[in-house]
N, C-alpha and C. Protein backbone atom coordinates (compact mmCIF):
# COMPACT_ATOMS: atom_id res chain seq x y z
N MET A 1 111.22 88.88 89.14
CA MET A 1 112.26 89.26 90.08
C MET A 1 112.20 90.78 90.31
N LEU A 2 112.35 91.18 91.54
CA LEU A 2 112.28 92.58 91.93
C LEU A 2 113.51 93.34 91.44
N ARG A 3 113.27 94.54 90.91
CA ARG A 3 114.34 95.43 90.46
C ARG A 3 114.25 96.76 91.20
N CYS A 4 115.38 97.40 91.36
CA CYS A 4 115.42 98.72 91.98
C CYS A 4 114.77 99.73 91.02
N PRO A 5 113.85 100.56 91.51
CA PRO A 5 113.21 101.54 90.64
C PRO A 5 114.14 102.69 90.25
N ASN A 6 115.24 102.84 90.95
CA ASN A 6 116.18 103.92 90.66
C ASN A 6 117.21 103.53 89.61
N CYS A 7 117.88 102.39 89.80
CA CYS A 7 118.98 102.01 88.90
C CYS A 7 118.68 100.74 88.10
N ASN A 8 117.53 100.11 88.34
CA ASN A 8 117.09 98.92 87.62
C ASN A 8 117.93 97.67 87.93
N SER A 9 118.67 97.69 89.02
CA SER A 9 119.51 96.57 89.41
C SER A 9 118.71 95.47 90.09
N HIS A 10 119.19 94.22 89.94
CA HIS A 10 118.63 93.08 90.66
C HIS A 10 119.39 92.84 91.96
N ASP A 11 120.46 93.57 92.22
CA ASP A 11 121.33 93.34 93.36
C ASP A 11 120.74 93.96 94.63
N LEU A 12 119.66 93.33 95.12
CA LEU A 12 118.96 93.81 96.30
C LEU A 12 119.18 92.85 97.46
N GLY A 13 119.40 93.41 98.63
CA GLY A 13 119.53 92.60 99.83
C GLY A 13 118.34 92.82 100.74
N LYS A 14 117.94 91.79 101.45
CA LYS A 14 116.81 91.89 102.37
C LYS A 14 117.32 92.40 103.71
N VAL A 15 116.73 93.50 104.20
CA VAL A 15 117.18 94.09 105.47
C VAL A 15 116.11 94.00 106.55
N GLY A 16 114.94 93.53 106.22
CA GLY A 16 113.87 93.41 107.19
C GLY A 16 112.67 92.76 106.53
N THR A 17 111.61 92.59 107.31
CA THR A 17 110.39 92.03 106.75
C THR A 17 109.86 92.97 105.69
N ASN A 18 109.81 92.50 104.46
CA ASN A 18 109.32 93.27 103.31
C ASN A 18 110.16 94.51 103.02
N GLN A 19 111.43 94.54 103.44
CA GLN A 19 112.31 95.68 103.18
C GLN A 19 113.58 95.18 102.49
N TYR A 20 113.98 95.91 101.45
CA TYR A 20 115.14 95.56 100.64
C TYR A 20 116.04 96.77 100.47
N TYR A 21 117.32 96.51 100.21
CA TYR A 21 118.33 97.55 100.05
C TYR A 21 119.06 97.31 98.74
N CYS A 22 119.20 98.37 97.92
CA CYS A 22 119.93 98.26 96.66
C CYS A 22 121.40 98.58 96.91
N TRP A 23 122.25 97.63 96.57
CA TRP A 23 123.69 97.80 96.79
C TRP A 23 124.34 98.70 95.75
N HIS A 24 123.64 99.03 94.68
CA HIS A 24 124.21 99.89 93.64
C HIS A 24 123.97 101.37 93.88
N CYS A 25 122.76 101.73 94.30
CA CYS A 25 122.44 103.15 94.43
C CYS A 25 122.00 103.54 95.84
N PHE A 26 122.04 102.58 96.78
CA PHE A 26 121.84 102.85 98.19
C PHE A 26 120.44 103.36 98.54
N VAL A 27 119.41 102.79 97.94
CA VAL A 27 118.05 103.11 98.33
C VAL A 27 117.44 101.90 99.03
N GLU A 28 116.49 102.16 99.89
CA GLU A 28 115.77 101.11 100.59
C GLU A 28 114.34 101.08 100.09
N LEU A 29 113.81 99.89 99.91
CA LEU A 29 112.47 99.71 99.37
C LEU A 29 111.61 98.95 100.37
N SER A 30 110.35 99.36 100.48
CA SER A 30 109.37 98.58 101.23
C SER A 30 108.44 97.94 100.21
N VAL A 31 108.28 96.62 100.30
CA VAL A 31 107.53 95.87 99.30
C VAL A 31 106.41 95.09 99.98
N THR A 32 105.22 95.17 99.40
CA THR A 32 104.07 94.40 99.89
C THR A 32 103.42 93.71 98.70
N GLY A 33 103.31 92.40 98.78
CA GLY A 33 102.67 91.64 97.71
C GLY A 33 103.36 91.79 96.37
N GLY A 34 104.69 91.94 96.37
CA GLY A 34 105.45 92.09 95.13
C GLY A 34 105.40 93.49 94.54
N ARG A 35 104.73 94.42 95.23
CA ARG A 35 104.61 95.80 94.74
C ARG A 35 105.39 96.74 95.66
N ILE A 36 106.15 97.66 95.08
CA ILE A 36 106.92 98.62 95.86
C ILE A 36 105.95 99.63 96.47
N GLU A 37 105.99 99.73 97.79
CA GLU A 37 105.09 100.63 98.52
C GLU A 37 105.77 101.91 98.96
N ALA A 38 107.09 101.88 99.14
CA ALA A 38 107.83 103.06 99.59
C ALA A 38 109.28 102.94 99.15
N VAL A 39 109.90 104.09 98.87
CA VAL A 39 111.31 104.14 98.47
C VAL A 39 111.99 105.22 99.30
N TYR A 40 113.14 104.87 99.87
CA TYR A 40 113.88 105.81 100.72
C TYR A 40 115.34 105.86 100.32
N GLN A 41 115.94 107.03 100.47
CA GLN A 41 117.38 107.17 100.32
C GLN A 41 117.99 107.06 101.70
N VAL A 42 119.04 106.26 101.84
CA VAL A 42 119.72 106.12 103.12
C VAL A 42 120.78 107.22 103.20
N GLU A 43 120.64 108.08 104.20
CA GLU A 43 121.57 109.20 104.40
C GLU A 43 122.82 108.74 105.14
N GLU A 44 123.86 109.57 105.15
CA GLU A 44 125.13 109.23 105.79
C GLU A 44 124.97 108.89 107.27
N ASP A 45 124.02 109.54 107.94
CA ASP A 45 123.83 109.30 109.37
C ASP A 45 122.92 108.10 109.64
N GLY A 46 122.47 107.42 108.57
CA GLY A 46 121.63 106.24 108.71
C GLY A 46 120.14 106.54 108.65
N SER A 47 119.79 107.82 108.64
CA SER A 47 118.37 108.17 108.55
C SER A 47 117.86 107.94 107.13
N LEU A 48 116.55 107.91 106.97
CA LEU A 48 115.94 107.67 105.68
C LEU A 48 115.20 108.92 105.20
N SER A 49 115.35 109.24 103.93
CA SER A 49 114.61 110.33 103.30
C SER A 49 113.71 109.73 102.24
N SER A 50 112.44 110.10 102.27
CA SER A 50 111.47 109.55 101.33
C SER A 50 111.73 110.00 99.90
N LEU A 51 111.64 109.04 98.98
CA LEU A 51 111.74 109.32 97.55
C LEU A 51 110.43 108.92 96.86
N ASN A 52 109.38 108.75 97.64
CA ASN A 52 108.10 108.29 97.10
C ASN A 52 107.57 109.20 96.00
N ASP A 53 107.74 110.51 96.17
CA ASP A 53 107.22 111.44 95.16
C ASP A 53 107.93 111.29 93.82
N LEU A 54 109.11 110.70 93.80
CA LEU A 54 109.85 110.50 92.55
C LEU A 54 109.55 109.16 91.89
N PHE A 55 109.25 108.13 92.69
CA PHE A 55 109.18 106.78 92.14
C PHE A 55 107.81 106.11 92.17
N LEU A 56 106.92 106.60 93.01
CA LEU A 56 105.62 105.94 93.11
C LEU A 56 104.57 106.74 92.37
N ASP A 57 103.79 106.04 91.58
CA ASP A 57 102.74 106.67 90.79
C ASP A 57 101.44 106.61 91.58
N ARG A 58 101.23 107.63 92.41
CA ARG A 58 100.01 107.70 93.21
C ARG A 58 99.26 108.97 92.85
N PRO A 59 97.96 108.89 92.84
CA PRO A 59 97.18 110.09 92.55
C PRO A 59 97.40 111.15 93.61
N ASN A 60 97.35 112.40 93.22
CA ASN A 60 97.51 113.51 94.13
C ASN A 60 96.28 113.61 95.03
N GLN A 61 96.46 113.46 96.33
CA GLN A 61 95.34 113.48 97.26
C GLN A 61 94.68 114.85 97.35
N ALA A 62 95.41 115.93 97.06
CA ALA A 62 94.88 117.28 97.19
C ALA A 62 93.92 117.63 96.05
N ASN A 63 94.10 117.02 94.88
CA ASN A 63 93.27 117.31 93.73
C ASN A 63 92.45 116.09 93.33
N PRO A 64 91.20 115.99 93.82
CA PRO A 64 90.39 114.79 93.51
C PRO A 64 90.02 114.68 92.06
């Protein structure tokens, strides 16, 4: 079962194809194949701010 990477909650709602929203900490997740691909904070105006640098373990593209 999918958990929020921020608060570890299971209380996620589906808001689009492969997109989920955490009702506890208000982040939106993009999921592909059961793996979280992107994490966003939903701002007061409805815009999204990327939190990928905090939650996704990706190699630094600048330093090979």
